[in-house]
Amino acid sequence: MTVTHLSALRSSRALSARGMRNMRRLPSTFIPTLAMPIFQAIAFSGTFFAITKLPGFPTDRSINWYLPLAVVMGSAFAGVGLGFTTIRDIETGFFDRLRMSPTPRSALIVGPLVMTWVRTVIVVTMVMVIGFAFGARLTSGVVGLGCLYLASIGLATVSAGWGLGIAYRFRDMRGAAIMQLTLFLVMFLSSAQTPLFVMSGWLHGVARVNPATNVLRLSRQGFLGDVTWNGVWGGVLALAGGSLLTLTFAYRGLRGLERD
């Protein structure tokens, strides 16, 4: 392993550890990420419990439909939260100190991203425990649970890349609204609330081509029956493509910040 790679690894580990310490010292930055999916899972499954009466609905438990949605939404906001943290570092001048250091530029993205993955796993695990307490049941065992974790970590990666890219370009809290608004639009213009066969009109057309629909299908594999390749590949492809695009967007934004 070259000196550059060792330096990038050490810097990434240090930045990741800093993020974890900040989460412990400032729980206000983490609690909303955990509270929101819990609230969504309980509120949606209770309010729309009668959706299971629709002919052809894939489960007789409303929470089995809405819990994966809440989990991936929480994971997405965990990723976007990285953008908020980066904006705060830019505004306080800490990010300028990182840029002036001999830290490899890739570590400025990889380190915080690893911290985001850890935070996402914590959120998913805690929300799942509460979801099971409220009646959620796996239908595909460990494999199905693995699909949910895969969808959650993948969407956190996509959202983190998007949040970082916006943060590097706006450099203040004006970018926060864009991060959140785009996330809500993408997620709720999909099969978030109801299956595709229930939708009609323009909403059906948009949800059908929205990559988030495939991600949600992947996340729900373990709650709606057996895990199938047809239900997995679209979500994996959407996450891989989305991660590549948004992390490239973030890296180019970082390079632009360096030139200014």
C-alpha atoms as a PDB file:
ATOM      1  CA  MET A   1       0.000   0.000   0.000  1.00  0.00           C
ATOM      2  CA  THR A   2       1.454   3.387  -1.016  1.00  0.00           C
ATOM      3  CA  VAL A   3       2.088   6.293   1.355  1.00  0.00           C
ATOM      4  CA  THR A   4      -0.771   8.217  -0.275  1.00  0.00           C
ATOM      5  CA  HIS A   5      -3.207   5.372   0.334  1.00  0.00           C
ATOM      6  CA  LEU A   6      -2.074   5.023   3.959  1.00  0.00           C
ATOM      7  CA  SER A   7      -2.511   8.750   4.482  1.00  0.00           C
ATOM      8  CA  ALA A   8      -5.982   8.666   2.953  1.00  0.00           C
ATOM      9  CA  LEU A   9      -6.920   5.714   5.162  1.00  0.00           C
ATOM     10  CA  ARG A  10      -5.696   7.409   8.349  1.00  0.00           C
ATOM     11  CA  SER A  11      -7.390  10.688   7.462  1.00  0.00           C
ATOM     12  CA  SER A  12     -10.654   8.944   6.606  1.00  0.00           C
ATOM     13  CA  ARG A  13     -10.585   7.047   9.898  1.00  0.00           C
ATOM     14  CA  ALA A  14      -9.916  10.249  11.853  1.00  0.00           C
ATOM     15  CA  LEU A  15     -12.741  12.156  10.140  1.00  0.00           C
ATOM     16  CA  SER A  16     -15.108   9.257  10.681  1.00  0.00           C
ATOM     17  CA  ALA A  17     -14.200   9.112  14.380  1.00  0.00           C
ATOM     18  CA  ARG A  18     -14.765  12.873  14.657  1.00  0.00           C
ATOM     19  CA  GLY A  19     -18.245  12.459  13.226  1.00  0.00           C
ATOM     20  CA  MET A  20     -19.071   9.728  15.728  1.00  0.00           C
ATOM     21  CA  ARG A  21     -17.824  11.880  18.618  1.00  0.00           C
ATOM     22  CA  ASN A  22     -19.954  14.784  17.430  1.00  0.00           C
ATOM     23  CA  MET A  23     -22.994  12.513  17.334  1.00  0.00           C
ATOM     24  CA  ARG A  24     -22.379  11.607  20.972  1.00  0.00           C
ATOM     25  CA  ARG A  25     -21.654  15.178  22.076  1.00  0.00           C
ATOM     26  CA  LEU A  26     -24.498  16.740  20.080  1.00  0.00           C
ATOM     27  CA  PRO A  27     -27.389  14.261  20.234  1.00  0.00           C
ATOM     28  CA  SER A  28     -29.652  16.948  18.751  1.00  0.00           C
ATOM     29  CA  THR A  29     -27.982  16.235  15.404  1.00  0.00           C
ATOM     30  CA  PHE A  30     -28.898  12.541  15.616  1.00  0.00           C
ATOM     31  CA  ILE A  31     -32.202  12.300  17.488  1.00  0.00           C
ATOM     32  CA  PRO A  32     -34.342  13.805  14.664  1.00  0.00           C
ATOM     33  CA  THR A  33     -32.885  11.252  12.257  1.00  0.00           C
ATOM     34  CA  LEU A  34     -34.076   8.507  14.587  1.00  0.00           C
ATOM     35  CA  ALA A  35     -37.379  10.074  15.675  1.00  0.00           C
ATOM     36  CA  MET A  36     -38.666  10.810  12.173  1.00  0.00           C
ATOM     37  CA  PRO A  37     -38.748   7.200  10.853  1.00  0.00           C
ATOM     38  CA  ILE A  38     -40.277   5.950  14.115  1.00  0.00           C
ATOM     39  CA  PHE A  39     -43.018   8.555  13.866  1.00  0.00           C
ATOM     40  CA  GLN A  40     -43.611   7.796  10.173  1.00  0.00           C
ATOM     41  CA  ALA A  41     -43.838   4.042  10.710  1.00  0.00           C
ATOM     42  CA  ILE A  42     -46.371   4.357  13.510  1.00  0.00           C
ATOM     43  CA  ALA A  43     -48.374   7.215  12.000  1.00  0.00           C
ATOM     44  CA  PHE A  44     -48.643   5.823   8.465  1.00  0.00           C
ATOM     45  CA  SER A  45     -49.388   2.244   9.468  1.00  0.00           C
ATOM     46  CA  GLY A  46     -52.054   3.419  11.908  1.00  0.00           C
ATOM     47  CA  THR A  47     -53.668   6.047   9.679  1.00  0.00           C
ATOM     48  CA  PHE A  48     -53.708   3.879   6.569  1.00  0.00           C
ATOM     49  CA  PHE A  49     -54.307   0.499   8.188  1.00  0.00           C
ATOM     50  CA  ALA A  50     -57.295  -0.124   5.896  1.00  0.00           C
ATOM     51  CA  ILE A  51     -55.042  -0.158   2.836  1.00  0.00           C
ATOM     52  CA  THR A  52     -54.557  -3.883   3.443  1.00  0.00           C
ATOM     53  CA  LYS A  53     -58.215  -4.404   2.434  1.00  0.00           C
ATOM     54  CA  LEU A  54     -57.441  -3.483  -1.164  1.00  0.00           C
ATOM     55  CA  PRO A  55     -57.719  -6.514  -3.482  1.00  0.00           C
ATOM     56  CA  GLY A  56     -54.247  -7.767  -4.307  1.00  0.00           C
ATOM     57  CA  PHE A  57     -52.444  -5.826  -1.582  1.00  0.00           C
ATOM     58  CA  PRO A  58     -49.284  -7.816  -0.822  1.00  0.00           C
ATOM     59  CA  THR A  59     -49.576  -8.001   2.977  1.00  0.00           C
ATOM     60  CA  ASP A  60     -52.209  -8.090   5.710  1.00  0.00           C
ATOM     61  CA  ARG A  61     -50.113  -5.881   8.011  1.00  0.00           C
ATOM     62  CA  SER A  62     -49.966  -2.193   7.147  1.00  0.00           C
ATOM     63  CA  ILE A  63     -46.777  -1.761   9.143  1.00  0.00           C
ATOM     64  CA  ASN A  64     -45.069  -4.312   6.900  1.00  0.00           C
ATOM     65  CA  TRP A  65     -45.641  -1.881   4.027  1.00  0.00           C
ATOM     66  CA  TYR A  66     -44.797   1.371   5.801  1.00  0.00           C
ATOM     67  CA  LEU A  67     -41.929   0.302   8.058  1.00  0.00           C
ATOM     68  CA  PRO A  68     -39.421  -0.159   5.179  1.00  0.00           C
ATOM     69  CA  LEU A  69     -40.483   3.250   3.818  1.00  0.00           C
ATOM     70  CA  ALA A  70     -39.811   4.871   7.188  1.00  0.00           C
ATOM     71  CA  VAL A  71     -36.466   3.099   7.533  1.00  0.00           C
ATOM     72  CA  VAL A  72     -35.126   4.139   4.129  1.00  0.00           C
ATOM     73  CA  MET A  73     -36.410   7.691   4.627  1.00  0.00           C
ATOM     74  CA  GLY A  74     -34.529   7.860   7.917  1.00  0.00           C
ATOM     75  CA  SER A  75     -31.425   6.520   6.169  1.00  0.00           C
ATOM     76  CA  ALA A  76     -31.758   9.105   3.425  1.00  0.00           C
ATOM     77  CA  PHE A  77     -31.941  11.894   5.988  1.00  0.00           C
ATOM     78  CA  ALA A  78     -28.919  10.445   7.758  1.00  0.00           C
ATOM     79  CA  GLY A  79     -27.073  10.882   4.472  1.00  0.00           C
ATOM     80  CA  VAL A  80     -28.379  14.400   3.878  1.00  0.00           C
ATOM     81  CA  GLY A  81     -27.366  15.233   7.446  1.00  0.00           C
ATOM     82  CA  LEU A  82     -23.769  14.934   6.285  1.00  0.00           C
ATOM     83  CA  GLY A  83     -24.441  17.906   4.017  1.00  0.00           C
ATOM     84  CA  PHE A  84     -25.737  19.918   6.987  1.00  0.00           C
ATOM     85  CA  THR A  85     -22.629  19.059   9.015  1.00  0.00           C
ATOM     86  CA  THR A  86     -20.357  20.049   6.130  1.00  0.00           C
ATOM     87  CA  ILE A  87     -22.105  23.402   5.749  1.00  0.00           C
ATOM     88  CA  ARG A  88     -21.592  24.055   9.454  1.00  0.00           C
ATOM     89  CA  ASP A  89     -17.889  23.185   9.103  1.00  0.00           C
ATOM     90  CA  ILE A  90     -17.581  25.542   6.129  1.00  0.00           C
ATOM     91  CA  GLU A  91     -19.306  28.387   7.983  1.00  0.00           C
ATOM     92  CA  THR A  92     -17.152  27.963  11.107  1.00  0.00           C
ATOM     93  CA  GLY A  93     -13.919  27.774   9.114  1.00  0.00           C
ATOM     94  CA  PHE A  94     -13.062  24.212  10.177  1.00  0.00           C
ATOM     95  CA  PHE A  95     -13.333  22.958   6.610  1.00  0.00           C
ATOM     96  CA  ASP A  96     -10.747  25.518   5.475  1.00  0.00           C
ATOM     97  CA  ARG A  97      -8.345  24.036   8.002  1.00  0.00           C
ATOM     98  CA  LEU A  98      -8.947  20.590   6.513  1.00  0.00           C
ATOM     99  CA  ARG A  99      -8.286  21.923   3.030  1.00  0.00           C
ATOM    100  CA  MET A 100      -5.008  23.527   4.134  1.00  0.00           C
ATOM    101  CA  SER A 101      -3.811  20.282   5.720  1.00  0.00           C
ATOM    102  CA  PRO A 102      -1.996  17.536   3.744  1.00  0.00           C
ATOM    103  CA  THR A 103      -5.171  15.430   3.992  1.00  0.00           C
ATOM    104  CA  PRO A 104      -5.934  13.626   0.692  1.00  0.00           C
ATOM    105  CA  ARG A 105      -9.040  15.156  -0.857  1.00  0.00           C
ATOM    106  CA  SER A 106     -10.736  11.774  -1.209  1.00  0.00           C
ATOM    107  CA  ALA A 107     -10.608  11.392   2.592  1.00  0.00           C
ATOM    108  CA  LEU A 108     -12.794  14.490   3.006  1.00  0.00           C
ATOM    109  CA  ILE A 109     -15.597  12.484   1.398  1.00  0.00           C
ATOM    110  CA  VAL A 110     -14.775   8.903   2.399  1.00  0.00           C
ATOM    111  CA  GLY A 111     -14.279   9.580   6.126  1.00  0.00           C
ATOM    112  CA  PRO A 112     -17.626  11.320   6.744  1.00  0.00           C
ATOM    113  CA  LEU A 113     -19.323   8.788   4.457  1.00  0.00           C
ATOM    114  CA  VAL A 114     -18.157   5.888   6.629  1.00  0.00           C
ATOM    115  CA  MET A 115     -19.557   7.709   9.670  1.00  0.00           C
ATOM    116  CA  THR A 116     -22.855   8.066   7.803  1.00  0.00           C
ATOM    117  CA  TRP A 117     -22.955   4.299   7.186  1.00  0.00           C
ATOM    118  CA  VAL A 118     -22.431   3.623  10.888  1.00  0.00           C
ATOM    119  CA  ARG A 119     -25.159   6.083  11.830  1.00  0.00           C
ATOM    120  CA  THR A 120     -27.476   4.516   9.262  1.00  0.00           C
ATOM    121  CA  VAL A 121     -26.978   1.028  10.694  1.00  0.00           C
ATOM    122  CA  ILE A 122     -27.816   2.363  14.167  1.00  0.00           C
ATOM    123  CA  VAL A 123     -30.975   4.059  12.895  1.00  0.00           C
ATOM    124  CA  VAL A 124     -32.144   1.006  10.935  1.00  0.00           C
ATOM    125  CA  THR A 125     -31.553  -1.354  13.856  1.00  0.00           C
ATOM    126  CA  MET A 126     -33.355   0.787  16.422  1.00  0.00           C
ATOM    127  CA  VAL A 127     -36.320   1.513  14.143  1.00  0.00           C
ATOM    128  CA  MET A 128     -36.619  -2.165  13.280  1.00  0.00           C
ATOM    129  CA  VAL A 129     -36.766  -3.130  16.964  1.00  0.00           C
ATOM    130  CA  ILE A 130     -39.621  -0.680  17.516  1.00  0.00           C
ATOM    131  CA  GLY A 131     -41.315  -1.817  14.295  1.00  0.00           C
ATOM    132  CA  PHE A 132     -41.289  -5.435  15.456  1.00  0.00           C
ATOM    133  CA  ALA A 133     -42.774  -4.319  18.763  1.00  0.00           C
ATOM    134  CA  PHE A 134     -45.664  -2.755  16.819  1.00  0.00           C
ATOM    135  CA  GLY A 135     -46.361  -5.919  14.844  1.00  0.00           C
ATOM    136  CA  ALA A 136     -44.039  -5.928  11.843  1.00  0.00           C
ATOM    137  CA  ARG A 137     -43.034  -9.440  10.746  1.00  0.00           C
ATOM    138  CA  LEU A 138     -40.364 -10.667   8.371  1.00  0.00           C
ATOM    139  CA  THR A 139     -41.489 -13.137   5.713  1.00  0.00           C
ATOM    140  CA  SER A 140     -38.028 -13.977   4.326  1.00  0.00           C
ATOM    141  CA  GLY A 141     -35.829 -14.154   7.391  1.00  0.00           C
ATOM    142  CA  VAL A 142     -32.259 -12.905   7.388  1.00  0.00           C
ATOM    143  CA  VAL A 143     -32.143 -12.509   3.608  1.00  0.00           C
ATOM    144  CA  GLY A 144     -35.087 -10.136   3.678  1.00  0.00           C
ATOM    145  CA  LEU A 145     -33.550  -8.162   6.523  1.00  0.00           C
ATOM    146  CA  GLY A 146     -30.331  -7.954   4.519  1.00  0.00           C
ATOM    147  CA  CYS A 147     -32.266  -6.396   1.632  1.00  0.00           C
ATOM    148  CA  LEU A 148     -33.534  -3.669   3.963  1.00  0.00           C
ATOM    149  CA  TYR A 149     -30.037  -2.897   5.254  1.00  0.00           C
ATOM    150  CA  LEU A 150     -28.689  -2.868   1.701  1.00  0.00           C
ATOM    151  CA  ALA A 151     -31.377  -0.450   0.548  1.00  0.00           C
ATOM    152  CA  SER A 152     -30.841   1.763   3.596  1.00  0.00           C
ATOM    153  CA  ILE A 153     -27.060   1.987   3.357  1.00  0.00           C
ATOM    154  CA  GLY A 154     -27.250   2.458  -0.401  1.00  0.00           C
ATOM    155  CA  LEU A 155     -29.770   5.285  -0.149  1.00  0.00           C
ATOM    156  CA  ALA A 156     -27.736   6.902   2.636  1.00  0.00           C
ATOM    157  CA  THR A 157     -24.761   6.871   0.255  1.00  0.00           C
ATOM    158  CA  VAL A 158     -26.761   8.468  -2.554  1.00  0.00           C
ATOM    159  CA  SER A 159     -28.132  11.124  -0.204  1.00  0.00           C
ATOM    160  CA  ALA A 160     -24.726  11.818   1.325  1.00  0.00           C
ATOM    161  CA  GLY A 161     -23.216  12.417  -2.103  1.00  0.00           C
ATOM    162  CA  TRP A 162     -26.090  14.732  -2.997  1.00  0.00           C
ATOM    163  CA  GLY A 163     -25.845  16.614   0.318  1.00  0.00           C
ATOM    164  CA  LEU A 164     -22.083  17.070   0.017  1.00  0.00           C
ATOM    165  CA  GLY A 165     -22.352  18.274  -3.571  1.00  0.00           C
ATOM    166  CA  ILE A 166     -24.932  20.888  -2.602  1.00  0.00           C
ATOM    167  CA  ALA A 167     -22.939  21.914   0.473  1.00  0.00           C
ATOM    168  CA  TYR A 168     -19.754  22.471  -1.535  1.00  0.00           C
ATOM    169  CA  ARG A 169     -21.603  24.656  -4.029  1.00  0.00           C
ATOM    170  CA  PHE A 170     -23.856  26.764  -1.766  1.00  0.00           C
ATOM    171  CA  ARG A 171     -21.563  26.802   1.294  1.00  0.00           C
ATOM    172  CA  ASP A 172     -24.318  28.043   3.601  1.00  0.00           C
ATOM    173  CA  MET A 173     -27.689  26.897   4.889  1.00  0.00           C
ATOM    174  CA  ARG A 174     -29.470  27.962   1.695  1.00  0.00           C
ATOM    175  CA  GLY A 175     -28.538  24.548   0.370  1.00  0.00           C
ATOM    176  CA  ALA A 176     -30.310  22.743   3.228  1.00  0.00           C
ATOM    177  CA  ALA A 177     -33.764  23.421   1.774  1.00  0.00           C
ATOM    178  CA  ILE A 178     -32.714  22.017  -1.614  1.00  0.00           C
ATOM    179  CA  MET A 179     -31.344  18.854  -0.018  1.00  0.00           C
ATOM    180  CA  GLN A 180     -34.565  18.200   1.892  1.00  0.00           C
ATOM    181  CA  LEU A 181     -37.015  19.238  -0.822  1.00  0.00           C
ATOM    182  CA  THR A 182     -35.459  17.053  -3.503  1.00  0.00           C
ATOM    183  CA  LEU A 183     -35.382  14.100  -1.132  1.00  0.00           C
ATOM    184  CA  PHE A 184     -39.080  14.436  -0.301  1.00  0.00           C
ATOM    185  CA  LEU A 185     -40.025  14.839  -3.961  1.00  0.00           C
ATOM    186  CA  VAL A 186     -38.081  11.796  -5.101  1.00  0.00           C
ATOM    187  CA  MET A 187     -39.351   9.565  -2.298  1.00  0.00           C
ATOM    188  CA  PHE A 188     -43.037  10.510  -2.329  1.00  0.00           C
ATOM    189  CA  LEU A 189     -43.355  10.549  -6.126  1.00  0.00           C
ATOM    190  CA  SER A 190     -42.777   6.810  -6.018  1.00  0.00           C
ATOM    191  CA  SER A 191     -44.560   3.776  -4.595  1.00  0.00           C
ATOM    192  CA  ALA A 192     -43.955   5.129  -1.096  1.00  0.00           C
ATOM    193  CA  GLN A 193     -47.595   5.201   0.007  1.00  0.00           C
ATOM    194  CA  THR A 194     -49.357   2.723  -2.268  1.00  0.00           C
ATOM    195  CA  PRO A 195     -48.434   0.005  -4.791  1.00  0.00           C
ATOM    196  CA  LEU A 196     -48.181   0.954  -8.448  1.00  0.00           C
ATOM    197  CA  PHE A 197     -51.336  -0.944  -9.408  1.00  0.00           C
ATOM    198  CA  VAL A 198     -53.409   1.376  -7.184  1.00  0.00           C
ATOM    199  CA  MET A 199     -52.100   4.566  -8.813  1.00  0.00           C
ATOM    200  CA  SER A 200     -53.465   6.243 -11.915  1.00  0.00           C
ATOM    201  CA  GLY A 201     -52.761   9.261 -14.099  1.00  0.00           C
ATOM    202  CA  TRP A 202     -49.502  11.177 -14.071  1.00  0.00           C
ATOM    203  CA  LEU A 203     -48.548   9.921 -10.615  1.00  0.00           C
ATOM    204  CA  HIS A 204     -48.461   6.333 -11.881  1.00  0.00           C
ATOM    205  CA  GLY A 205     -46.288   7.354 -14.816  1.00  0.00           C
ATOM    206  CA  VAL A 206     -43.808   9.216 -12.628  1.00  0.00           C
ATOM    207  CA  ALA A 207     -43.667   6.502  -9.953  1.00  0.00           C
ATOM    208  CA  ARG A 208     -43.129   3.821 -12.585  1.00  0.00           C
ATOM    209  CA  VAL A 209     -39.893   5.408 -13.860  1.00  0.00           C
ATOM    210  CA  ASN A 210     -38.750   6.797 -10.507  1.00  0.00           C
ATOM    211  CA  PRO A 211     -35.650   4.876  -9.294  1.00  0.00           C
ATOM    212  CA  ALA A 212     -36.926   5.252  -5.718  1.00  0.00           C
ATOM    213  CA  THR A 213     -39.719   2.805  -6.570  1.00  0.00           C
ATOM    214  CA  ASN A 214     -37.115   0.109  -7.229  1.00  0.00           C
ATOM    215  CA  VAL A 215     -35.268   0.991  -4.025  1.00  0.00           C
ATOM    216  CA  LEU A 216     -38.478   0.672  -2.008  1.00  0.00           C
ATOM    217  CA  ARG A 217     -39.262  -2.630  -3.740  1.00  0.00           C
ATOM    218  CA  LEU A 218     -35.842  -3.875  -2.629  1.00  0.00           C
ATOM    219  CA  SER A 219     -36.359  -2.682   0.948  1.00  0.00           C
ATOM    220  CA  ARG A 220     -39.770  -4.404   1.187  1.00  0.00           C
ATOM    221  CA  GLN A 221     -38.625  -7.775  -0.112  1.00  0.00           C
ATOM    222  CA  GLY A 222     -38.350  -9.249   3.368  1.00  0.00           C
ATOM    223  CA  PHE A 223     -41.816  -8.091   4.440  1.00  0.00           C
ATOM    224  CA  LEU A 224     -44.074  -8.932   1.493  1.00  0.00           C
ATOM    225  CA  GLY A 225     -43.174 -12.515   0.667  1.00  0.00           C
ATOM    226  CA  ASP A 226     -40.141 -14.339  -0.654  1.00  0.00           C
ATOM    227  CA  VAL A 227     -37.038 -12.491  -1.854  1.00  0.00           C
ATOM    228  CA  THR A 228     -36.787 -12.720  -5.644  1.00  0.00           C
ATOM    229  CA  TRP A 229     -34.190 -11.556  -8.136  1.00  0.00           C
ATOM    230  CA  ASN A 230     -36.869  -9.582  -9.949  1.00  0.00           C
ATOM    231  CA  GLY A 231     -37.493  -7.598  -6.777  1.00  0.00           C
ATOM    232  CA  VAL A 232     -33.814  -7.053  -6.029  1.00  0.00           C
ATOM    233  CA  TRP A 233     -31.931  -6.184  -9.203  1.00  0.00           C
ATOM    234  CA  GLY A 234     -33.742  -2.929  -9.984  1.00  0.00           C
ATOM    235  CA  GLY A 235     -33.044  -1.502  -6.542  1.00  0.00           C
ATOM    236  CA  VAL A 236     -29.397  -2.560  -6.579  1.00  0.00           C
ATOM    237  CA  LEU A 237     -28.924  -0.985 -10.025  1.00  0.00           C
ATOM    238  CA  ALA A 238     -30.644   2.240  -8.930  1.00  0.00           C
ATOM    239  CA  LEU A 239     -28.471   2.500  -5.819  1.00  0.00           C
ATOM    240  CA  ALA A 240     -25.234   1.732  -7.663  1.00  0.00           C
ATOM    241  CA  GLY A 241     -25.987   4.250 -10.404  1.00  0.00           C
ATOM    242  CA  GLY A 242     -27.233   6.882  -7.955  1.00  0.00           C
ATOM    243  CA  SER A 243     -24.175   6.490  -5.713  1.00  0.00           C
ATOM    244  CA  LEU A 244     -21.822   6.890  -8.666  1.00  0.00           C
ATOM    245  CA  LEU A 245     -23.608  10.011  -9.893  1.00  0.00           C
ATOM    246  CA  THR A 246     -23.952  11.779  -6.552  1.00  0.00           C
ATOM    247  CA  LEU A 247     -20.462  10.968  -5.273  1.00  0.00           C
ATOM    248  CA  THR A 248     -19.037  12.245  -8.569  1.00  0.00           C
ATOM    249  CA  PHE A 249     -21.183  15.358  -8.088  1.00  0.00           C
ATOM    250  CA  ALA A 250     -19.736  15.732  -4.584  1.00  0.00           C
ATOM    251  CA  TYR A 251     -16.125  15.259  -5.715  1.00  0.00           C
ATOM    252  CA  ARG A 252     -16.475  17.809  -8.491  1.00  0.00           C
ATOM    253  CA  GLY A 253     -18.031  20.233  -6.022  1.00  0.00           C
ATOM    254  CA  LEU A 254     -15.057  19.737  -3.710  1.00  0.00           C
ATOM    255  CA  ARG A 255     -12.644  20.405  -6.559  1.00  0.00           C
ATOM    256  CA  GLY A 256     -14.586  23.553  -7.433  1.00  0.00           C
ATOM    257  CA  LEU A 257     -14.313  24.661  -3.808  1.00  0.00           C
ATOM    258  CA  GLU A 258     -10.569  24.180  -4.019  1.00  0.00           C
ATOM    259  CA  ARG A 259     -10.275  26.439  -7.086  1.00  0.00           C
ATOM    260  CA  ASP A 260     -12.276  29.324  -5.579  1.00  0.00           C
END
